[in-house]
Amino acid sequence: KTGTVKKLTANADYNYMWFNPITGKITEQGTFKTSAAGTWDIPEKATC
């Protein structure tokens, strides 16, 4: 479980990148659009 990011710009396009600090590798990249309240529900992550 990860949670929700708040206080982002409402209805805005953002990019995201998951980075594994142990292996030093980017594991996933993508884009998302924030809600009208400026929030984003973060997808679940790996267990490390």
ModelCIF file with pLDDT and N, C-alpha, C, O atoms, coordinates in Angstrom:
data_MODEL
#
_entry.id   MODEL 
#
_entity.id                         1 
_entity.type                       polymer 
_entity.pdbx_number_of_molecules   1 
#
_entity_poly.entity_id                      1 
_entity_poly.type                           'polypeptide(L)' 
_entity_poly.nstd_linkage                   no 
_entity_poly.nstd_monomer                   no 
_entity_poly.pdbx_seq_one_letter_code       KTGTVKKLTANADYNYMWFNPITGKITEQGTFKTSAAGTWDIPEKATC 
_entity_poly.pdbx_seq_one_letter_code_can   KTGTVKKLTANADYNYMWFNPITGKITEQGTFKTSAAGTWDIPEKATC 
_entity_poly.pdbx_strand_id                 A 
#
loop_
_entity_poly_seq.entity_id 
_entity_poly_seq.num 
_entity_poly_seq.mon_id 
_entity_poly_seq.hetero 
1 1  LYS n 
1 2  THR n 
1 3  GLY n 
1 4  THR n 
1 5  VAL n 
1 6  LYS n 
1 7  LYS n 
1 8  LEU n 
1 9  THR n 
1 10 ALA n 
1 11 ASN n 
1 12 ALA n 
1 13 ASP n 
1 14 TYR n 
1 15 ASN n 
1 16 TYR n 
1 17 MET n 
1 18 TRP n 
1 19 PHE n 
1 20 ASN n 
1 21 PRO n 
1 22 ILE n 
1 23 THR n 
1 24 GLY n 
1 25 LYS n 
1 26 ILE n 
1 27 THR n 
1 28 GLU n 
1 29 GLN n 
1 30 GLY n 
1 31 THR n 
1 32 PHE n 
1 33 LYS n 
1 34 THR n 
1 35 SER n 
1 36 ALA n 
1 37 ALA n 
1 38 GLY n 
1 39 THR n 
1 40 TRP n 
1 41 ASP n 
1 42 ILE n 
1 43 PRO n 
1 44 GLU n 
1 45 LYS n 
1 46 ALA n 
1 47 THR n 
1 48 CYS n 
#
_struct_asym.id          A 
_struct_asym.entity_id   1 
#
loop_
_ma_qa_metric.id 
_ma_qa_metric.mode 
_ma_qa_metric.name 
_ma_qa_metric.software_group_id 
_ma_qa_metric.type 
1 global pLDDT . pLDDT 
2 local  pLDDT . pLDDT 
#
_ma_qa_metric_global.metric_id      1 
_ma_qa_metric_global.metric_value   91.04 
_ma_qa_metric_global.model_id       1 
_ma_qa_metric_global.ordinal_id     1 
#
loop_
_ma_qa_metric_local.label_asym_id 
_ma_qa_metric_local.label_comp_id 
_ma_qa_metric_local.label_seq_id 
_ma_qa_metric_local.metric_id 
_ma_qa_metric_local.metric_value 
_ma_qa_metric_local.model_id 
_ma_qa_metric_local.ordinal_id 
A LYS 1  2 70.00 1 1  
A THR 2  2 82.00 1 2  
A GLY 3  2 85.00 1 3  
A THR 4  2 92.00 1 4  
A VAL 5  2 94.00 1 5  
A LYS 6  2 94.00 1 6  
A LYS 7  2 93.00 1 7  
A LEU 8  2 95.00 1 8  
A THR 9  2 95.00 1 9  
A ALA 10 2 96.00 1 10 
A ASN 11 2 97.00 1 11 
A ALA 12 2 97.00 1 12 
A ASP 13 2 98.00 1 13 
A TYR 14 2 98.00 1 14 
A ASN 15 2 98.00 1 15 
A TYR 16 2 97.00 1 16 
A MET 17 2 96.00 1 17 
A TRP 18 2 93.00 1 18 
A PHE 19 2 91.00 1 19 
A ASN 20 2 89.00 1 20 
A PRO 21 2 90.00 1 21 
A ILE 22 2 86.00 1 22 
A THR 23 2 89.00 1 23 
A GLY 24 2 91.00 1 24 
A LYS 25 2 92.00 1 25 
A ILE 26 2 93.00 1 26 
A THR 27 2 90.00 1 27 
A GLU 28 2 91.00 1 28 
A GLN 29 2 95.00 1 29 
A GLY 30 2 96.00 1 30 
A THR 31 2 98.00 1 31 
A PHE 32 2 97.00 1 32 
A LYS 33 2 98.00 1 33 
A THR 34 2 97.00 1 34 
A SER 35 2 97.00 1 35 
A ALA 36 2 98.00 1 36 
A ALA 37 2 97.00 1 37 
A GLY 38 2 96.00 1 38 
A THR 39 2 96.00 1 39 
A TRP 40 2 96.00 1 40 
A ASP 41 2 94.00 1 41 
A ILE 42 2 91.00 1 42 
A PRO 43 2 86.00 1 43 
A GLU 44 2 81.00 1 44 
A LYS 45 2 76.00 1 45 
A ALA 46 2 65.00 1 46 
A THR 47 2 67.00 1 47 
A CYS 48 2 77.00 1 48 
#
loop_
_atom_site.group_PDB 
_atom_site.id 
_atom_site.type_symbol 
_atom_site.label_atom_id 
_atom_site.label_alt_id 
_atom_site.label_comp_id 
_atom_site.label_asym_id 
_atom_site.label_entity_id 
_atom_site.label_seq_id 
_atom_site.pdbx_PDB_ins_code 
_atom_site.Cartn_x 
_atom_site.Cartn_y 
_atom_site.Cartn_z 
_atom_site.occupancy 
_atom_site.B_iso_or_equiv 
_atom_site.pdbx_formal_charge 
_atom_site.auth_seq_id 
_atom_site.auth_comp_id 
_atom_site.auth_asym_id 
_atom_site.auth_atom_id 
_atom_site.pdbx_PDB_model_num 
ATOM 1   N N  . LYS A 1 1  ? 0.840  -1.196 0.000   1.00 70.00 ? 1  LYS A N  1 
ATOM 2   C CA . LYS A 1 1  ? 0.000  0.000  0.000   1.00 70.00 ? 1  LYS A CA 1 
ATOM 3   C C  . LYS A 1 1  ? 0.874  1.245  0.000   1.00 70.00 ? 1  LYS A C  1 
ATOM 4   O O  . LYS A 1 1  ? 1.945  1.257  0.606   1.00 70.00 ? 1  LYS A O  1 
ATOM 5   N N  . THR A 1 2  ? 0.422  2.279  -0.671  1.00 82.00 ? 2  THR A N  1 
ATOM 6   C CA . THR A 1 2  ? 1.213  3.497  -0.803  1.00 82.00 ? 2  THR A CA 1 
ATOM 7   C C  . THR A 1 2  ? 0.489  4.717  -0.250  1.00 82.00 ? 2  THR A C  1 
ATOM 8   O O  . THR A 1 2  ? 0.989  5.362  0.671   1.00 82.00 ? 2  THR A O  1 
ATOM 9   N N  . GLY A 1 3  ? -0.681 5.047  -0.797  1.00 85.00 ? 3  GLY A N  1 
ATOM 10  C CA . GLY A 1 3  ? -1.425 6.195  -0.301  1.00 85.00 ? 3  GLY A CA 1 
ATOM 11  C C  . GLY A 1 3  ? -1.800 7.169  -1.394  1.00 85.00 ? 3  GLY A C  1 
ATOM 12  O O  . GLY A 1 3  ? -1.831 6.826  -2.576  1.00 85.00 ? 3  GLY A O  1 
ATOM 13  N N  . THR A 1 4  ? -2.085 8.396  -0.977  1.00 92.00 ? 4  THR A N  1 
ATOM 14  C CA . THR A 1 4  ? -2.534 9.454  -1.880  1.00 92.00 ? 4  THR A CA 1 
ATOM 15  C C  . THR A 1 4  ? -1.634 10.669 -1.727  1.00 92.00 ? 4  THR A C  1 
ATOM 16  O O  . THR A 1 4  ? -1.352 11.102 -0.610  1.00 92.00 ? 4  THR A O  1 
ATOM 17  N N  . VAL A 1 5  ? -1.184 11.220 -2.847  1.00 94.00 ? 5  VAL A N  1 
ATOM 18  C CA . VAL A 1 5  ? -0.425 12.463 -2.832  1.00 94.00 ? 5  VAL A CA 1 
ATOM 19  C C  . VAL A 1 5  ? -1.430 13.603 -2.930  1.00 94.00 ? 5  VAL A C  1 
ATOM 20  O O  . VAL A 1 5  ? -2.328 13.581 -3.772  1.00 94.00 ? 5  VAL A O  1 
ATOM 21  N N  . LYS A 1 6  ? -1.272 14.600 -2.062  1.00 94.00 ? 6  LYS A N  1 
ATOM 22  C CA . LYS A 1 6  ? -2.170 15.750 -2.038  1.00 94.00 ? 6  LYS A CA 1 
ATOM 23  C C  . LYS A 1 6  ? -1.404 17.025 -2.360  1.00 94.00 ? 6  LYS A C  1 
ATOM 24  O O  . LYS A 1 6  ? -0.174 17.028 -2.410  1.00 94.00 ? 6  LYS A O  1 
ATOM 25  N N  . LYS A 1 7  ? -2.135 18.093 -2.576  1.00 93.00 ? 7  LYS A N  1 
ATOM 26  C CA . LYS A 1 7  ? -1.572 19.426 -2.827  1.00 93.00 ? 7  LYS A CA 1 
ATOM 27  C C  . LYS A 1 7  ? -0.792 19.509 -4.129  1.00 93.00 ? 7  LYS A C  1 
ATOM 28  O O  . LYS A 1 7  ? 0.125  20.321 -4.251  1.00 93.00 ? 7  LYS A O  1 
ATOM 29  N N  . LEU A 1 8  ? -1.151 18.668 -5.115  1.00 95.00 ? 8  LEU A N  1 
ATOM 30  C CA . LEU A 1 8  ? -0.604 18.806 -6.457  1.00 95.00 ? 8  LEU A CA 1 
ATOM 31  C C  . LEU A 1 8  ? -1.489 19.801 -7.208  1.00 95.00 ? 8  LEU A C  1 
ATOM 32  O O  . LEU A 1 8  ? -2.546 20.186 -6.708  1.00 95.00 ? 8  LEU A O  1 
ATOM 33  N N  . THR A 1 9  ? -1.072 20.213 -8.386  1.00 95.00 ? 9  THR A N  1 
ATOM 34  C CA . THR A 1 9  ? -1.883 21.108 -9.199  1.00 95.00 ? 9  THR A CA 1 
ATOM 35  C C  . THR A 1 9  ? -3.122 20.358 -9.677  1.00 95.00 ? 9  THR A C  1 
ATOM 36  O O  . THR A 1 9  ? -3.017 19.243 -10.187 1.00 95.00 ? 9  THR A O  1 
ATOM 37  N N  . ALA A 1 10 ? -4.288 20.963 -9.513  1.00 96.00 ? 10 ALA A N  1 
ATOM 38  C CA . ALA A 1 10 ? -5.553 20.314 -9.903  1.00 96.00 ? 10 ALA A CA 1 
ATOM 39  C C  . ALA A 1 10 ? -5.633 20.106 -11.413 1.00 96.00 ? 10 ALA A C  1 
ATOM 40  O O  . ALA A 1 10 ? -5.215 20.961 -12.194 1.00 96.00 ? 10 ALA A O  1 
ATOM 41  N N  . ASN A 1 11 ? -6.173 18.963 -11.807 1.00 97.00 ? 11 ASN A N  1 
ATOM 42  C CA . ASN A 1 11 ? -6.394 18.618 -13.222 1.00 97.00 ? 11 ASN A CA 1 
ATOM 43  C C  . ASN A 1 11 ? -5.145 18.812 -14.078 1.00 97.00 ? 11 ASN A C  1 
ATOM 44  O O  . ASN A 1 11 ? -5.234 19.283 -15.212 1.00 97.00 ? 11 ASN A O  1 
ATOM 45  N N  . ALA A 1 12 ? -4.000 18.455 -13.546 1.00 97.00 ? 12 ALA A N  1 
ATOM 46  C CA . ALA A 1 12 ? -2.732 18.659 -14.254 1.00 97.00 ? 12 ALA A CA 1 
ATOM 47  C C  . ALA A 1 12 ? -2.128 17.321 -14.665 1.00 97.00 ? 12 ALA A C  1 
ATOM 48  O O  . ALA A 1 12 ? -2.356 16.294 -14.026 1.00 97.00 ? 12 ALA A O  1 
ATOM 49  N N  . ASP A 1 13 ? -1.362 17.358 -15.732 1.00 98.00 ? 13 ASP A N  1 
ATOM 50  C CA . ASP A 1 13 ? -0.640 16.174 -16.190 1.00 98.00 ? 13 ASP A CA 1 
ATOM 51  C C  . ASP A 1 13 ? 0.721  16.122 -15.505 1.00 98.00 ? 13 ASP A C  1 
ATOM 52  O O  . ASP A 1 13 ? 1.448  17.115 -15.469 1.00 98.00 ? 13 ASP A O  1 
ATOM 53  N N  . TYR A 1 14 ? 1.054  14.965 -14.968 1.00 98.00 ? 14 TYR A N  1 
ATOM 54  C CA . TYR A 1 14 ? 2.332  14.729 -14.306 1.00 98.00 ? 14 TYR A CA 1 
ATOM 55  C C  . TYR A 1 14 ? 2.964  13.470 -14.879 1.00 98.00 ? 14 TYR A C  1 
ATOM 56  O O  . TYR A 1 14 ? 2.288  12.634 -15.479 1.00 98.00 ? 14 TYR A O  1 
ATOM 57  N N  . ASN A 1 15 ? 4.256  13.352 -14.686 1.00 98.00 ? 15 ASN A N  1 
ATOM 58  C CA . ASN A 1 15 ? 5.010  12.144 -14.998 1.00 98.00 ? 15 ASN A CA 1 
ATOM 59  C C  . ASN A 1 15 ? 5.407  11.504 -13.675 1.00 98.00 ? 15 ASN A C  1 
ATOM 60  O O  . ASN A 1 15 ? 5.485  12.176 -12.647 1.00 98.00 ? 15 ASN A O  1 
ATOM 61  N N  . TYR A 1 16 ? 5.655  10.209 -13.711 1.00 97.00 ? 16 TYR A N  1 
ATOM 62  C CA . TYR A 1 16 ? 6.164  9.547  -12.518 1.00 97.00 ? 16 TYR A CA 1 
ATOM 63  C C  . TYR A 1 16 ? 7.205  8.515  -12.901 1.00 97.00 ? 16 TYR A C  1 
ATOM 64  O O  . TYR A 1 16 ? 7.232  8.021  -14.028 1.00 97.00 ? 16 TYR A O  1 
ATOM 65  N N  . MET A 1 17 ? 8.064  8.198  -11.937 1.00 96.00 ? 17 MET A N  1 
ATOM 66  C CA . MET A 1 17 ? 9.107  7.215  -12.153 1.00 96.00 ? 17 MET A CA 1 
ATOM 67  C C  . MET A 1 17 ? 9.344  6.487  -10.830 1.00 96.00 ? 17 MET A C  1 
ATOM 68  O O  . MET A 1 17 ? 9.569  7.120  -9.798  1.00 96.00 ? 17 MET A O  1 
ATOM 69  N N  . TRP A 1 18 ? 9.293  5.151  -10.867 1.00 93.00 ? 18 TRP A N  1 
ATOM 70  C CA . TRP A 1 18 ? 9.661  4.339  -9.712  1.00 93.00 ? 18 TRP A CA 1 
ATOM 71  C C  . TRP A 1 18 ? 11.127 3.968  -9.869  1.00 93.00 ? 18 TRP A C  1 
ATOM 72  O O  . TRP A 1 18 ? 11.551 3.513  -10.931 1.00 93.00 ? 18 TRP A O  1 
ATOM 73  N N  . PHE A 1 19 ? 11.896 4.167  -8.806  1.00 91.00 ? 19 PHE A N  1 
ATOM 74  C CA . PHE A 1 19 ? 13.328 3.894  -8.812  1.00 91.00 ? 19 PHE A CA 1 
ATOM 75  C C  . PHE A 1 19 ? 13.656 2.983  -7.639  1.00 91.00 ? 19 PHE A C  1 
ATOM 76  O O  . PHE A 1 19 ? 13.233 3.240  -6.512  1.00 91.00 ? 19 PHE A O  1 
ATOM 77  N N  . ASN A 1 20 ? 14.401 1.928  -7.898  1.00 89.00 ? 20 ASN A N  1 
ATOM 78  C CA . ASN A 1 20 ? 14.821 1.015  -6.838  1.00 89.00 ? 20 ASN A CA 1 
ATOM 79  C C  . ASN A 1 20 ? 16.194 1.465  -6.344  1.00 89.00 ? 20 ASN A C  1 
ATOM 80  O O  . ASN A 1 20 ? 17.179 1.313  -7.067  1.00 89.00 ? 20 ASN A O  1 
ATOM 81  N N  . PRO A 1 21 ? 16.287 2.018  -5.126  1.00 90.00 ? 21 PRO A N  1 
ATOM 82  C CA . PRO A 1 21 ? 17.573 2.526  -4.642  1.00 90.00 ? 21 PRO A CA 1 
ATOM 83  C C  . PRO A 1 21 ? 18.572 1.423  -4.298  1.00 90.00 ? 21 PRO A C  1 
ATOM 84  O O  . PRO A 1 21 ? 19.756 1.703  -4.116  1.00 90.00 ? 21 PRO A O  1 
ATOM 85  N N  . ILE A 1 22 ? 18.120 0.197  -4.209  1.00 86.00 ? 22 ILE A N  1 
ATOM 86  C CA . ILE A 1 22 ? 19.007 -0.914 -3.885  1.00 86.00 ? 22 ILE A CA 1 
ATOM 87  C C  . ILE A 1 22 ? 19.728 -1.398 -5.146  1.00 86.00 ? 22 ILE A C  1 
ATOM 88  O O  . ILE A 1 22 ? 20.933 -1.648 -5.123  1.00 86.00 ? 22 ILE A O  1 
ATOM 89  N N  . THR A 1 23 ? 18.982 -1.528 -6.242  1.00 89.00 ? 23 THR A N  1 
ATOM 90  C CA . THR A 1 23 ? 19.578 -1.996 -7.496  1.00 89.00 ? 23 THR A CA 1 
ATOM 91  C C  . THR A 1 23 ? 20.061 -0.843 -8.368  1.00 89.00 ? 23 THR A C  1 
ATOM 92  O O  . THR A 1 23 ? 20.866 -1.046 -9.277  1.00 89.00 ? 23 THR A O  1 
ATOM 93  N N  . GLY A 1 24 ? 19.571 0.374  -8.093  1.00 91.00 ? 24 GLY A N  1 
ATOM 94  C CA . GLY A 1 24 ? 19.943 1.536  -8.903  1.00 91.00 ? 24 GLY A CA 1 
ATOM 95  C C  . GLY A 1 24 ? 19.218 1.592  -10.234 1.00 91.00 ? 24 GLY A C  1 
ATOM 96  O O  . GLY A 1 24 ? 19.673 2.268  -11.157 1.00 91.00 ? 24 GLY A O  1 
ATOM 97  N N  . LYS A 1 25 ? 18.091 0.889  -10.350 1.00 92.00 ? 25 LYS A N  1 
ATOM 98  C CA . LYS A 1 25 ? 17.379 0.824  -11.637 1.00 92.00 ? 25 LYS A CA 1 
ATOM 99  C C  . LYS A 1 25 ? 15.996 1.460  -11.555 1.00 92.00 ? 25 LYS A C  1 
ATOM 100 O O  . LYS A 1 25 ? 15.320 1.407  -10.528 1.00 92.00 ? 25 LYS A O  1 
ATOM 101 N N  . ILE A 1 26 ? 15.604 2.060  -12.669 1.00 93.00 ? 26 ILE A N  1 
ATOM 102 C CA . ILE A 1 26 ? 14.232 2.553  -12.822 1.00 93.00 ? 26 ILE A CA 1 
ATOM 103 C C  . ILE A 1 26 ? 13.376 1.335  -13.128 1.00 93.00 ? 26 ILE A C  1 
ATOM 104 O O  . ILE A 1 26 ? 13.688 0.571  -14.042 1.00 93.00 ? 26 ILE A O  1 
ATOM 105 N N  . THR A 1 27 ? 12.292 1.147  -12.369 1.00 90.00 ? 27 THR A N  1 
ATOM 106 C CA . THR A 1 27 ? 11.474 -0.046 -12.561 1.00 90.00 ? 27 THR A CA 1 
ATOM 107 C C  . THR A 1 27 ? 10.193 0.229  -13.335 1.00 90.00 ? 27 THR A C  1 
ATOM 108 O O  . THR A 1 27 ? 9.606  -0.687 -13.910 1.00 90.00 ? 27 THR A O  1 
ATOM 109 N N  . GLU A 1 28 ? 9.755  1.484  -13.353 1.00 91.00 ? 28 GLU A N  1 
ATOM 110 C CA . GLU A 1 28 ? 8.519  1.818  -14.072 1.00 91.00 ? 28 GLU A CA 1 
ATOM 111 C C  . GLU A 1 28 ? 8.465  3.326  -14.281 1.00 91.00 ? 28 GLU A C  1 
ATOM 112 O O  . GLU A 1 28 ? 8.930  4.098  -13.441 1.00 91.00 ? 28 GLU A O  1 
ATOM 113 N N  . GLN A 1 29 ? 7.887  3.741  -15.422 1.00 95.00 ? 29 GLN A N  1 
ATOM 114 C CA . GLN A 1 29 ? 7.669  5.156  -15.716 1.00 95.00 ? 29 GLN A CA 1 
ATOM 115 C C  . GLN A 1 29 ? 6.302  5.307  -16.347 1.00 95.00 ? 29 GLN A C  1 
ATOM 116 O O  . GLN A 1 29 ? 5.797  4.372  -16.969 1.00 95.00 ? 29 GLN A O  1 
ATOM 117 N N  . GLY A 1 30 ? 5.694  6.480  -16.194 1.00 96.00 ? 30 GLY A N  1 
ATOM 118 C CA . GLY A 1 30 ? 4.394  6.708  -16.809 1.00 96.00 ? 30 GLY A CA 1 
ATOM 119 C C  . GLY A 1 30 ? 3.900  8.120  -16.563 1.00 96.00 ? 30 GLY A C  1 
ATOM 120 O O  . GLY A 1 30 ? 4.646  8.993  -16.120 1.00 96.00 ? 30 GLY A O  1 
ATOM 121 N N  . THR A 1 31 ? 2.644  8.318  -16.855 1.00 98.00 ? 31 THR A N  1 
ATOM 122 C CA . THR A 1 31 ? 2.015  9.626  -16.667 1.00 98.00 ? 31 THR A CA 1 
ATOM 123 C C  . THR A 1 31 ? 0.684  9.434  -15.946 1.00 98.00 ? 31 THR A C  1 
ATOM 124 O O  . THR A 1 31 ? 0.127  8.337  -15.918 1.00 98.00 ? 31 THR A O  1 
ATOM 125 N N  . PHE A 1 32 ? 0.191  10.520 -15.368 1.00 97.00 ? 32 PHE A N  1 
ATOM 126 C CA . PHE A 1 32 ? -1.124 10.507 -14.744 1.00 97.00 ? 32 PHE A CA 1 
ATOM 127 C C  . PHE A 1 32 ? -1.684 11.922 -14.738 1.00 97.00 ? 32 PHE A C  1 
ATOM 128 O O  . PHE A 1 32 ? -0.949 12.893 -14.918 1.00 97.00 ? 32 PHE A O  1 
ATOM 129 N N  . LYS A 1 33 ? -2.978 12.026 -14.533 1.00 98.00 ? 33 LYS A N  1 
ATOM 130 C CA . LYS A 1 33 ? -3.643 13.326 -14.411 1.00 98.00 ? 33 LYS A CA 1 
ATOM 131 C C  . LYS A 1 33 ? -4.216 13.404 -13.006 1.00 98.00 ? 33 LYS A C  1 
ATOM 132 O O  . LYS A 1 33 ? -4.864 12.469 -12.538 1.00 98.00 ? 33 LYS A O  1 
ATOM 133 N N  . THR A 1 34 ? -3.973 14.527 -12.336 1.00 97.00 ? 34 THR A N  1 
ATOM 134 C CA . THR A 1 34 ? -4.475 14.697 -10.981 1.00 97.00 ? 34 THR A CA 1 
ATOM 135 C C  . THR A 1 34 ? -5.978 14.933 -10.990 1.00 97.00 ? 34 THR A C  1 
ATOM 136 O O  . THR A 1 34 ? -6.563 15.278 -12.017 1.00 97.00 ? 34 THR A O  1 
ATOM 137 N N  . SER A 1 35 ? -6.584 14.742 -9.837  1.00 97.00 ? 35 SER A N  1 
ATOM 138 C CA . SER A 1 35 ? -8.026 14.975 -9.691  1.00 97.00 ? 35 SER A CA 1 
ATOM 139 C C  . SER A 1 35 ? -8.306 16.478 -9.622  1.00 97.00 ? 35 SER A C  1 
ATOM 140 O O  . SER A 1 35 ? -7.380 17.289 -9.595  1.00 97.00 ? 35 SER A O  1 
ATOM 141 N N  . ALA A 1 36 ? -9.569 16.834 -9.593  1.00 98.00 ? 36 ALA A N  1 
ATOM 142 C CA . ALA A 1 36 ? -9.974 18.235 -9.459  1.00 98.00 ? 36 ALA A CA 1 
ATOM 143 C C  . ALA A 1 36 ? -9.526 18.803 -8.113  1.00 98.00 ? 36 ALA A C  1 
ATOM 144 O O  . ALA A 1 36 ? -9.402 20.018 -7.955  1.00 98.00 ? 36 ALA A O  1 
ATOM 145 N N  . ALA A 1 37 ? -9.285 17.921 -7.149  1.00 97.00 ? 37 ALA A N  1 
ATOM 146 C CA . ALA A 1 37 ? -8.815 18.358 -5.830  1.00 97.00 ? 37 ALA A CA 1 
ATOM 147 C C  . ALA A 1 37 ? -7.284 18.397 -5.756  1.00 97.00 ? 37 ALA A C  1 
ATOM 148 O O  . ALA A 1 37 ? -6.729 18.751 -4.716  1.00 97.00 ? 37 ALA A O  1 
ATOM 149 N N  . GLY A 1 38 ? -6.597 18.036 -6.848  1.00 96.00 ? 38 GLY A N  1 
ATOM 150 C CA . GLY A 1 38 ? -5.138 18.043 -6.857  1.00 96.00 ? 38 GLY A CA 1 
ATOM 151 C C  . GLY A 1 38 ? -4.520 16.853 -6.147  1.00 96.00 ? 38 GLY A C  1 
ATOM 152 O O  . GLY A 1 38 ? -3.461 16.969 -5.530  1.00 96.00 ? 38 GLY A O  1 
ATOM 153 N N  . THR A 1 39 ? -5.189 15.698 -6.236  1.00 96.00 ? 39 THR A N  1 
ATOM 154 C CA . THR A 1 39 ? -4.680 14.488 -5.594  1.00 96.00 ? 39 THR A CA 1 
ATOM 155 C C  . THR A 1 39 ? -4.396 13.398 -6.625  1.00 96.00 ? 39 THR A C  1 
ATOM 156 O O  . THR A 1 39 ? -4.864 13.457 -7.762  1.00 96.00 ? 39 THR A O  1 
ATOM 157 N N  . TRP A 1 40 ? -3.624 12.412 -6.203  1.00 96.00 ? 40 TRP A N  1 
ATOM 158 C CA . TRP A 1 40 ? -3.348 11.236 -7.031  1.00 96.00 ? 40 TRP A CA 1 
ATOM 159 C C  . TRP A 1 40 ? -3.181 10.036 -6.120  1.00 96.00 ? 40 TRP A C  1 
ATOM 160 O O  . TRP A 1 40 ? -2.375 10.059 -5.190  1.00 96.00 ? 40 TRP A O  1 
ATOM 161 N N  . ASP A 1 41 ? -3.950 8.980  -6.390  1.00 94.00 ? 41 ASP A N  1 
ATOM 162 C CA . ASP A 1 41 ? -3.830 7.723  -5.652  1.00 94.00 ? 41 ASP A CA 1 
ATOM 163 C C  . ASP A 1 41 ? -2.670 6.943  -6.260  1.00 94.00 ? 41 ASP A C  1 
ATOM 164 O O  . ASP A 1 41 ? -2.743 6.499  -7.406  1.00 94.00 ? 41 ASP A O  1 
ATOM 165 N N  . ILE A 1 42 ? -1.618 6.781  -5.498  1.00 91.00 ? 42 ILE A N  1 
ATOM 166 C CA . ILE A 1 42 ? -0.417 6.114  -5.985  1.00 91.00 ? 42 ILE A CA 1 
ATOM 167 C C  . ILE A 1 42 ? -0.689 4.619  -6.125  1.00 91.00 ? 42 ILE A C  1 
ATOM 168 O O  . ILE A 1 42 ? -1.248 4.009  -5.214  1.00 91.00 ? 42 ILE A O  1 
ATOM 169 N N  . PRO A 1 43 ? -0.300 4.016  -7.259  1.00 86.00 ? 43 PRO A N  1 
ATOM 170 C CA . PRO A 1 43 ? -0.460 2.564  -7.400  1.00 86.00 ? 43 PRO A CA 1 
ATOM 171 C C  . PRO A 1 43 ? 0.378  1.836  -6.359  1.00 86.00 ? 43 PRO A C  1 
ATOM 172 O O  . PRO A 1 43 ? 1.335  2.400  -5.828  1.00 86.00 ? 43 PRO A O  1 
ATOM 173 N N  . GLU A 1 44 ? 0.029  0.602  -6.067  1.00 81.00 ? 44 GLU A N  1 
ATOM 174 C CA . GLU A 1 44 ? 0.806  -0.191 -5.118  1.00 81.00 ? 44 GLU A CA 1 
ATOM 175 C C  . GLU A 1 44 ? 2.229  -0.369 -5.632  1.00 81.00 ? 44 GLU A C  1 
ATOM 176 O O  . GLU A 1 44 ? 2.482  -0.290 -6.834  1.00 81.00 ? 44 GLU A O  1 
ATOM 177 N N  . LYS A 1 45 ? 3.149  -0.608 -4.712  1.00 76.00 ? 45 LYS A N  1 
ATOM 178 C CA . LYS A 1 45 ? 4.560  -0.722 -5.061  1.00 76.00 ? 45 LYS A CA 1 
ATOM 179 C C  . LYS A 1 45 ? 5.103  -2.093 -4.685  1.00 76.00 ? 45 LYS A C  1 
ATOM 180 O O  . LYS A 1 45 ? 4.405  -2.921 -4.101  1.00 76.00 ? 45 LYS A O  1 
ATOM 181 N N  . ALA A 1 46 ? 6.353  -2.308 -5.030  1.00 65.00 ? 46 ALA A N  1 
ATOM 182 C CA . ALA A 1 46 ? 7.032  -3.546 -4.666  1.00 65.00 ? 46 ALA A CA 1 
ATOM 183 C C  . ALA A 1 46 ? 7.234  -3.597 -3.155  1.00 65.00 ? 46 ALA A C  1 
ATOM 184 O O  . ALA A 1 46 ? 7.091  -2.582 -2.474  1.00 65.00 ? 46 ALA A O  1 
ATOM 185 N N  . THR A 1 47 ? 7.559  -4.755 -2.640  1.00 67.00 ? 47 THR A N  1 
ATOM 186 C CA . THR A 1 47 ? 7.721  -4.911 -1.190  1.00 67.00 ? 47 THR A CA 1 
ATOM 187 C C  . THR A 1 47 ? 9.155  -4.670 -0.728  1.00 67.00 ? 47 THR A C  1 
ATOM 188 O O  . THR A 1 47 ? 9.579  -5.210 0.294   1.00 67.00 ? 47 THR A O  1 
ATOM 189 N N  . CYS A 1 48 ? 9.894  -3.872 -1.469  1.00 77.00 ? 48 CYS A N  1 
ATOM 190 C CA . CYS A 1 48 ? 11.226 -3.475 -1.037  1.00 77.00 ? 48 CYS A CA 1 
ATOM 191 C C  . CYS A 1 48 ? 11.307 -1.948 -1.098  1.00 77.00 ? 48 CYS A C  1 
ATOM 192 O O  . CYS A 1 48 ? 12.346 -1.372 -0.776  1.00 77.00 ? 48 CYS A O  1 
#
